[in-house]
């Protein structure tokens, strides 16, 4: 799957791992990528990023969930 191209129809995913992927893209590409992920991630799903990656200033459609030694992002509930 080319992350920069249009994505084909896919089932919904429980987990998406983008660890150390987004560091190679500029901010507009990162924003596009996490929007695409949100469309294929289950409402209670989780997106994992690398330790040097963040959604600050990129996308506000996720809640950051922290746990024991890790964190992940879950799509915000639709109002």
PDB file of N, CA and C in Angstrom:
ATOM      1  N   UNK A   1       0.854  -1.178   0.000  1.00  0.00           N
ATOM      2  CA  UNK A   1       0.000   0.000   0.000  1.00  0.00           C
ATOM      3  C   UNK A   1       0.895   1.234   0.000  1.00  0.00           C
ATOM      4  N   UNK A   2       0.723   2.080  -0.972  1.00  0.00           N
ATOM      5  CA  UNK A   2       1.461   3.332  -1.018  1.00  0.00           C
ATOM      6  C   UNK A   2       0.696   4.339  -0.161  1.00  0.00           C
ATOM      7  N   UNK A   3       1.296   4.790   0.918  1.00  0.00           N
ATOM      8  CA  UNK A   3       0.606   5.674   1.859  1.00  0.00           C
ATOM      9  C   UNK A   3       0.255   7.024   1.256  1.00  0.00           C
ATOM     10  N   UNK A   4       0.943   7.441   0.209  1.00  0.00           N
ATOM     11  CA  UNK A   4       0.701   8.740  -0.415  1.00  0.00           C
ATOM     12  C   UNK A   4      -0.363   8.703  -1.502  1.00  0.00           C
ATOM     13  N   UNK A   5      -0.698   7.545  -1.994  1.00  0.00           N
ATOM     14  CA  UNK A   5      -1.701   7.411  -3.053  1.00  0.00           C
ATOM     15  C   UNK A   5      -3.092   7.258  -2.443  1.00  0.00           C
ATOM     16  N   UNK A   6      -4.108   7.309  -3.294  1.00  0.00           N
ATOM     17  CA  UNK A   6      -5.479   7.036  -2.831  1.00  0.00           C
ATOM     18  C   UNK A   6      -5.546   5.581  -2.364  1.00  0.00           C
ATOM     19  N   UNK A   7      -6.252   5.356  -1.264  1.00  0.00           N
ATOM     20  CA  UNK A   7      -6.354   4.000  -0.717  1.00  0.00           C
ATOM     21  C   UNK A   7      -7.559   3.289  -1.299  1.00  0.00           C
ATOM     22  N   UNK A   8      -7.430   2.018  -1.599  1.00  0.00           N
ATOM     23  CA  UNK A   8      -8.578   1.255  -2.083  1.00  0.00           C
ATOM     24  C   UNK A   8      -9.545   1.004  -0.918  1.00  0.00           C
ATOM     25  N   UNK A   9     -10.768   0.573  -1.209  1.00  0.00           N
ATOM     26  CA  UNK A   9     -11.678   0.206  -0.120  1.00  0.00           C
ATOM     27  C   UNK A   9     -11.041  -0.886   0.742  1.00  0.00           C
ATOM     28  N   UNK A  10     -11.165  -0.715   2.053  1.00  0.00           N
ATOM     29  CA  UNK A  10     -10.564  -1.660   2.990  1.00  0.00           C
ATOM     30  C   UNK A  10     -11.541  -1.926   4.125  1.00  0.00           C
ATOM     31  N   UNK A  11     -11.350  -3.056   4.812  1.00  0.00           N
ATOM     32  CA  UNK A  11     -12.135  -3.275   6.023  1.00  0.00           C
ATOM     33  C   UNK A  11     -11.631  -2.336   7.124  1.00  0.00           C
ATOM     34  N   UNK A  12     -12.383  -2.260   8.207  1.00  0.00           N
ATOM     35  CA  UNK A  12     -11.946  -1.459   9.346  1.00  0.00           C
ATOM     36  C   UNK A  12     -10.905  -2.238  10.144  1.00  0.00           C
ATOM     37  N   UNK A  13      -9.930  -1.498  10.686  1.00  0.00           N
ATOM     38  CA  UNK A  13      -8.830  -2.104  11.421  1.00  0.00           C
ATOM     39  C   UNK A  13      -8.933  -1.823  12.912  1.00  0.00           C
ATOM     40  N   UNK A  14      -8.477  -2.781  13.718  1.00  0.00           N
ATOM     41  CA  UNK A  14      -8.384  -2.596  15.171  1.00  0.00           C
ATOM     42  C   UNK A  14      -7.133  -1.801  15.524  1.00  0.00           C
ATOM     43  N   UNK A  15      -6.046  -2.060  14.805  1.00  0.00           N
ATOM     44  CA  UNK A  15      -4.762  -1.428  15.087  1.00  0.00           C
ATOM     45  C   UNK A  15      -4.095  -0.989  13.784  1.00  0.00           C
ATOM     46  N   UNK A  16      -3.436   0.162  13.849  1.00  0.00           N
ATOM     47  CA  UNK A  16      -2.590   0.624  12.749  1.00  0.00           C
ATOM     48  C   UNK A  16      -1.270   1.063  13.384  1.00  0.00           C
ATOM     49  N   UNK A  17      -0.181   0.505  12.895  1.00  0.00           N
ATOM     50  CA  UNK A  17       1.142   0.842  13.409  1.00  0.00           C
ATOM     51  C   UNK A  17       1.864   1.711  12.388  1.00  0.00           C
ATOM     52  N   UNK A  18       2.147   2.945  12.762  1.00  0.00           N
ATOM     53  CA  UNK A  18       2.901   3.868  11.921  1.00  0.00           C
ATOM     54  C   UNK A  18       4.206   4.255  12.609  1.00  0.00           C
ATOM     55  N   UNK A  19       4.729   3.366  13.390  1.00  0.00           N
ATOM     56  CA  UNK A  19       5.932   3.658  14.151  1.00  0.00           C
ATOM     57  C   UNK A  19       7.091   3.990  13.215  1.00  0.00           C
ATOM     58  N   UNK A  20       7.641   5.180  13.416  1.00  0.00           N
ATOM     59  CA  UNK A  20       8.797   5.662  12.658  1.00  0.00           C
ATOM     60  C   UNK A  20       8.541   5.717  11.153  1.00  0.00           C
ATOM     61  N   UNK A  21       7.306   6.025  10.792  1.00  0.00           N
ATOM     62  CA  UNK A  21       6.928   6.209   9.392  1.00  0.00           C
ATOM     63  C   UNK A  21       6.753   7.690   9.098  1.00  0.00           C
ATOM     64  N   UNK A  22       6.035   8.384   9.958  1.00  0.00           N
ATOM     65  CA  UNK A  22       5.681   9.777   9.680  1.00  0.00           C
ATOM     66  C   UNK A  22       6.866  10.730   9.732  1.00  0.00           C
ATOM     67  N   UNK A  23       7.952  10.329  10.364  1.00  0.00           N
ATOM     68  CA  UNK A  23       9.121  11.218  10.442  1.00  0.00           C
ATOM     69  C   UNK A  23       9.708  11.516   9.068  1.00  0.00           C
ATOM     70  N   UNK A  24       9.362  10.711   8.085  1.00  0.00           N
ATOM     71  CA  UNK A  24       9.899  10.899   6.742  1.00  0.00           C
ATOM     72  C   UNK A  24       9.034  11.798   5.861  1.00  0.00           C
ATOM     73  N   UNK A  25       7.876  12.244   6.376  1.00  0.00           N
ATOM     74  CA  UNK A  25       6.947  13.046   5.589  1.00  0.00           C
ATOM     75  C   UNK A  25       6.863  14.470   6.103  1.00  0.00           C
ATOM     76  N   UNK A  26       6.483  15.389   5.226  1.00  0.00           N
ATOM     77  CA  UNK A  26       6.234  16.765   5.648  1.00  0.00           C
ATOM     78  C   UNK A  26       4.871  16.845   6.341  1.00  0.00           C
ATOM     79  N   UNK A  27       4.580  17.990   6.964  1.00  0.00           N
ATOM     80  CA  UNK A  27       3.370  18.131   7.772  1.00  0.00           C
ATOM     81  C   UNK A  27       2.091  17.914   6.961  1.00  0.00           C
ATOM     82  N   UNK A  28       1.938  18.484   5.763  1.00  0.00           N
ATOM     83  CA  UNK A  28       0.701  18.219   5.011  1.00  0.00           C
ATOM     84  C   UNK A  28       0.504  16.734   4.692  1.00  0.00           C
ATOM     85  N   UNK A  29       1.581  16.031   4.395  1.00  0.00           N
ATOM     86  CA  UNK A  29       1.479  14.594   4.109  1.00  0.00           C
ATOM     87  C   UNK A  29       1.122  13.823   5.377  1.00  0.00           C
ATOM     88  N   UNK A  30       1.692  14.209   6.501  1.00  0.00           N
ATOM     89  CA  UNK A  30       1.336  13.569   7.785  1.00  0.00           C
ATOM     90  C   UNK A  30      -0.145  13.763   8.077  1.00  0.00           C
ATOM     91  N   UNK A  31      -0.641  14.983   7.865  1.00  0.00           N
ATOM     92  CA  UNK A  31      -2.057  15.282   8.123  1.00  0.00           C
ATOM     93  C   UNK A  31      -2.947  14.424   7.232  1.00  0.00           C
ATOM     94  N   UNK A  32      -2.600  14.315   5.971  1.00  0.00           N
ATOM     95  CA  UNK A  32      -3.370  13.488   5.041  1.00  0.00           C
ATOM     96  C   UNK A  32      -3.356  12.026   5.469  1.00  0.00           C
ATOM     97  N   UNK A  33      -2.199  11.550   5.878  1.00  0.00           N
ATOM     98  CA  UNK A  33      -2.053  10.156   6.284  1.00  0.00           C
ATOM     99  C   UNK A  33      -2.914   9.825   7.495  1.00  0.00           C
ATOM    100  N   UNK A  34      -2.886  10.639   8.532  1.00  0.00           N
ATOM    101  CA  UNK A  34      -3.665  10.306   9.731  1.00  0.00           C
ATOM    102  C   UNK A  34      -5.162  10.470   9.482  1.00  0.00           C
ATOM    103  N   UNK A  35      -5.554  11.313   8.537  1.00  0.00           N
ATOM    104  CA  UNK A  35      -6.965  11.393   8.150  1.00  0.00           C
ATOM    105  C   UNK A  35      -7.398  10.113   7.447  1.00  0.00           C
ATOM    106  N   UNK A  36      -6.543   9.589   6.582  1.00  0.00           N
ATOM    107  CA  UNK A  36      -6.843   8.321   5.910  1.00  0.00           C
ATOM    108  C   UNK A  36      -6.954   7.188   6.927  1.00  0.00           C
ATOM    109  N   UNK A  37      -6.041   7.176   7.882  1.00  0.00           N
ATOM    110  CA  UNK A  37      -6.072   6.130   8.911  1.00  0.00           C
ATOM    111  C   UNK A  37      -7.371   6.219   9.701  1.00  0.00           C
ATOM    112  N   UNK A  38      -7.797   7.428  10.038  1.00  0.00           N
ATOM    113  CA  UNK A  38      -9.024   7.586  10.823  1.00  0.00           C
ATOM    114  C   UNK A  38     -10.231   7.000  10.082  1.00  0.00           C
ATOM    115  N   UNK A  39     -10.237   7.074   8.768  1.00  0.00           N
ATOM    116  CA  UNK A  39     -11.363   6.534   7.988  1.00  0.00           C
ATOM    117  C   UNK A  39     -11.401   5.006   7.995  1.00  0.00           C
ATOM    118  N   UNK A  40     -10.271   4.346   8.247  1.00  0.00           N
ATOM    119  CA  UNK A  40     -10.254   2.878   8.236  1.00  0.00           C
ATOM    120  C   UNK A  40     -10.065   2.276   9.634  1.00  0.00           C
ATOM    121  N   UNK A  41      -9.973   3.106  10.651  1.00  0.00           N
ATOM    122  CA  UNK A  41      -9.764   2.624  12.020  1.00  0.00           C
ATOM    123  C   UNK A  41     -11.110   2.507  12.730  1.00  0.00           C
ATOM    124  N   UNK A  42     -11.317   1.389  13.405  1.00  0.00           N
ATOM    125  CA  UNK A  42     -12.545   1.214  14.180  1.00  0.00           C
ATOM    126  C   UNK A  42     -12.627   2.300  15.250  1.00  0.00           C
ATOM    127  N   UNK A  43     -13.845   2.670  15.673  1.00  0.00           N
ATOM    128  CA  UNK A  43     -13.984   3.727  16.695  1.00  0.00           C
ATOM    129  C   UNK A  43     -13.212   3.437  17.986  1.00  0.00           C
ATOM    130  N   UNK A  44     -13.080   2.170  18.333  1.00  0.00           N
ATOM    131  CA  UNK A  44     -12.323   1.812  19.531  1.00  0.00           C
ATOM    132  C   UNK A  44     -10.927   1.292  19.171  1.00  0.00           C
ATOM    133  N   UNK A  45     -10.503   1.548  17.932  1.00  0.00           N
ATOM    134  CA  UNK A  45      -9.201   1.098  17.462  1.00  0.00           C
ATOM    135  C   UNK A  45      -8.074   1.972  17.975  1.00  0.00           C
ATOM    136  N   UNK A  46      -6.867   1.599  17.639  1.00  0.00           N
ATOM    137  CA  UNK A  46      -5.685   2.301  18.134  1.00  0.00           C
ATOM    138  C   UNK A  46      -4.673   2.499  17.011  1.00  0.00           C
ATOM    139  N   UNK A  47      -4.131   3.708  16.949  1.00  0.00           N
ATOM    140  CA  UNK A  47      -3.044   4.023  16.027  1.00  0.00           C
ATOM    141  C   UNK A  47      -1.800   4.269  16.871  1.00  0.00           C
ATOM    142  N   UNK A  48      -0.740   3.531  16.565  1.00  0.00           N
ATOM    143  CA  UNK A  48       0.521   3.655  17.293  1.00  0.00           C
ATOM    144  C   UNK A  48       1.525   4.416  16.449  1.00  0.00           C
ATOM    145  N   UNK A  49       2.169   5.393  17.063  1.00  0.00           N
ATOM    146  CA  UNK A  49       3.220   6.178  16.414  1.00  0.00           C
ATOM    147  C   UNK A  49       4.543   5.911  17.118  1.00  0.00           C
ATOM    148  N   UNK A  50       5.633   6.318  16.490  1.00  0.00           N
ATOM    149  CA  UNK A  50       6.945   6.182  17.099  1.00  0.00           C
ATOM    150  C   UNK A  50       7.153   7.213  18.189  1.00  0.00           C
ATOM    151  N   UNK A  51       8.158   7.024  19.003  1.00  0.00           N
ATOM    152  CA  UNK A  51       8.436   7.914  20.123  1.00  0.00           C
ATOM    153  C   UNK A  51       8.753   9.347  19.707  1.00  0.00           C
ATOM    154  N   UNK A  52       9.252   9.544  18.509  1.00  0.00           N
ATOM    155  CA  UNK A  52       9.596  10.883  18.024  1.00  0.00           C
ATOM    156  C   UNK A  52       8.469  11.509  17.219  1.00  0.00           C
ATOM    157  N   UNK A  53       7.322  10.835  17.138  1.00  0.00           N
ATOM    158  CA  UNK A  53       6.207  11.313  16.325  1.00  0.00           C
ATOM    159  C   UNK A  53       5.070  11.810  17.201  1.00  0.00           C
ATOM    160  N   UNK A  54       4.342  12.787  16.694  1.00  0.00           N
ATOM    161  CA  UNK A  54       3.239  13.382  17.440  1.00  0.00           C
ATOM    162  C   UNK A  54       2.166  13.856  16.478  1.00  0.00           C
ATOM    163  N   UNK A  55       0.984  14.098  16.998  1.00  0.00           N
ATOM    164  CA  UNK A  55      -0.090  14.696  16.205  1.00  0.00           C
ATOM    165  C   UNK A  55      -0.272  16.177  16.523  1.00  0.00           C
ATOM    166  N   UNK A  56       0.555  16.701  17.417  1.00  0.00           N
ATOM    167  CA  UNK A  56       0.454  18.120  17.784  1.00  0.00           C
ATOM    168  C   UNK A  56       0.685  18.973  16.538  1.00  0.00           C
ATOM    169  N   UNK A  57      -0.252  19.847  16.266  1.00  0.00           N
ATOM    170  CA  UNK A  57      -0.176  20.717  15.107  1.00  0.00           C
ATOM    171  C   UNK A  57      -0.481  20.032  13.792  1.00  0.00           C
ATOM    172  N   UNK A  58      -0.918  18.770  13.844  1.00  0.00           N
ATOM    173  CA  UNK A  58      -1.191  18.005  12.625  1.00  0.00           C
ATOM    174  C   UNK A  58      -2.659  17.627  12.525  1.00  0.00           C
ATOM    175  N   UNK A  59      -3.221  17.084  13.613  1.00  0.00           N
ATOM    176  CA  UNK A  59      -4.595  16.593  13.571  1.00  0.00           C
ATOM    177  C   UNK A  59      -5.182  16.602  14.980  1.00  0.00           C
ATOM    178  N   UNK A  60      -6.416  17.062  15.095  1.00  0.00           N
ATOM    179  CA  UNK A  60      -7.084  17.107  16.401  1.00  0.00           C
ATOM    180  C   UNK A  60      -8.208  16.077  16.502  1.00  0.00           C
ATOM    181  N   UNK A  61      -8.291  15.164  15.559  1.00  0.00           N
ATOM    182  CA  UNK A  61      -9.365  14.179  15.536  1.00  0.00           C
ATOM    183  C   UNK A  61      -9.096  12.915  16.323  1.00  0.00           C
ATOM    184  N   UNK A  62      -8.050  12.932  17.132  1.00  0.00           N
ATOM    185  CA  UNK A  62      -7.684  11.763  17.930  1.00  0.00           C
ATOM    186  C   UNK A  62      -7.512  12.160  19.391  1.00  0.00           C
ATOM    187  N   UNK A  63      -7.805  11.218  20.277  1.00  0.00           N
ATOM    188  CA  UNK A  63      -7.465  11.355  21.685  1.00  0.00           C
ATOM    189  C   UNK A  63      -6.203  10.541  21.932  1.00  0.00           C
ATOM    190  N   UNK A  64      -5.276  11.119  22.705  1.00  0.00           N
ATOM    191  CA  UNK A  64      -4.060  10.383  23.071  1.00  0.00           C
ATOM    192  C   UNK A  64      -4.356   9.610  24.343  1.00  0.00           C
ATOM    193  N   UNK A  65      -4.136   8.320  24.292  1.00  0.00           N
ATOM    194  CA  UNK A  65      -4.374   7.430  25.435  1.00  0.00           C
ATOM    195  C   UNK A  65      -3.013   6.966  25.934  1.00  0.00           C
ATOM    196  N   UNK A  66      -2.762   7.146  27.227  1.00  0.00           N
ATOM    197  CA  UNK A  66      -1.484   6.723  27.800  1.00  0.00           C
ATOM    198  C   UNK A  66      -1.700   5.535  28.726  1.00  0.00           C
ATOM    199  N   UNK A  67      -0.698   4.678  28.767  1.00  0.00           N
ATOM    200  CA  UNK A  67      -0.762   3.503  29.615  1.00  0.00           C
ATOM    201  C   UNK A  67       0.577   3.270  30.277  1.00  0.00           C
ATOM    202  N   UNK A  68       0.827   2.047  30.626  1.00  0.00           N
ATOM    203  CA  UNK A  68       2.079   1.680  31.285  1.00  0.00           C
ATOM    204  C   UNK A  68       3.207   1.622  30.268  1.00  0.00           C
ATOM    205  N   UNK A  69       3.912   2.732  30.118  1.00  0.00           N
ATOM    206  CA  UNK A  69       5.073   2.763  29.249  1.00  0.00           C
ATOM    207  C   UNK A  69       4.777   2.937  27.773  1.00  0.00           C
ATOM    208  N   UNK A  70       3.524   3.201  27.425  1.00  0.00           N
ATOM    209  CA  UNK A  70       3.227   3.414  26.008  1.00  0.00           C
ATOM    210  C   UNK A  70       2.046   4.374  25.863  1.00  0.00           C
ATOM    211  N   UNK A  71       1.856   4.844  24.658  1.00  0.00           N
ATOM    212  CA  UNK A  71       0.679   5.650  24.366  1.00  0.00           C
ATOM    213  C   UNK A  71       0.236   5.332  22.948  1.00  0.00           C
ATOM    214  N   UNK A  72      -1.029   5.621  22.680  1.00  0.00           N
ATOM    215  CA  UNK A  72      -1.571   5.417  21.347  1.00  0.00           C
ATOM    216  C   UNK A  72      -2.666   6.438  21.121  1.00  0.00           C
ATOM    217  N   UNK A  73      -3.172   6.479  19.916  1.00  0.00           N
ATOM    218  CA  UNK A  73      -4.198   7.447  19.549  1.00  0.00           C
ATOM    219  C   UNK A  73      -5.466   6.717  19.142  1.00  0.00           C
ATOM    220  N   UNK A  74      -6.591   7.214  19.643  1.00  0.00           N
ATOM    221  CA  UNK A  74      -7.904   6.661  19.329  1.00  0.00           C
ATOM    222  C   UNK A  74      -8.734   7.762  18.688  1.00  0.00           C
ATOM    223  N   UNK A  75      -9.493   7.460  17.630  1.00  0.00           N
ATOM    224  CA  UNK A  75     -10.332   8.489  17.024  1.00  0.00           C
ATOM    225  C   UNK A  75     -11.296   9.067  18.056  1.00  0.00           C
ATOM    226  N   UNK A  76     -11.454  10.390  18.028  1.00  0.00           N
ATOM    227  CA  UNK A  76     -12.419  11.024  18.931  1.00  0.00           C
ATOM    228  C   UNK A  76     -13.820  10.587  18.552  1.00  0.00           C
ATOM    229  N   UNK A  77     -14.664  10.455  19.574  1.00  0.00           N
ATOM    230  CA  UNK A  77     -16.062  10.083  19.332  1.00  0.00           C
ATOM    231  C   UNK A  77     -16.745  11.195  18.540  1.00  0.00           C
ATOM    232  N   UNK A  78     -17.554  10.791  17.591  1.00  0.00           N
ATOM    233  CA  UNK A  78     -18.297  11.784  16.789  1.00  0.00           C
ATOM    234  C   UNK A  78     -19.444  12.325  17.620  1.00  0.00           C
ATOM    235  N   UNK A  79     -19.584  13.636  17.603  1.00  0.00           N
ATOM    236  CA  UNK A  79     -20.636  14.273  18.403  1.00  0.00           C
ATOM    237  C   UNK A  79     -21.951  14.270  17.678  1.00  0.00           C
TER     238      UNK A  79
END
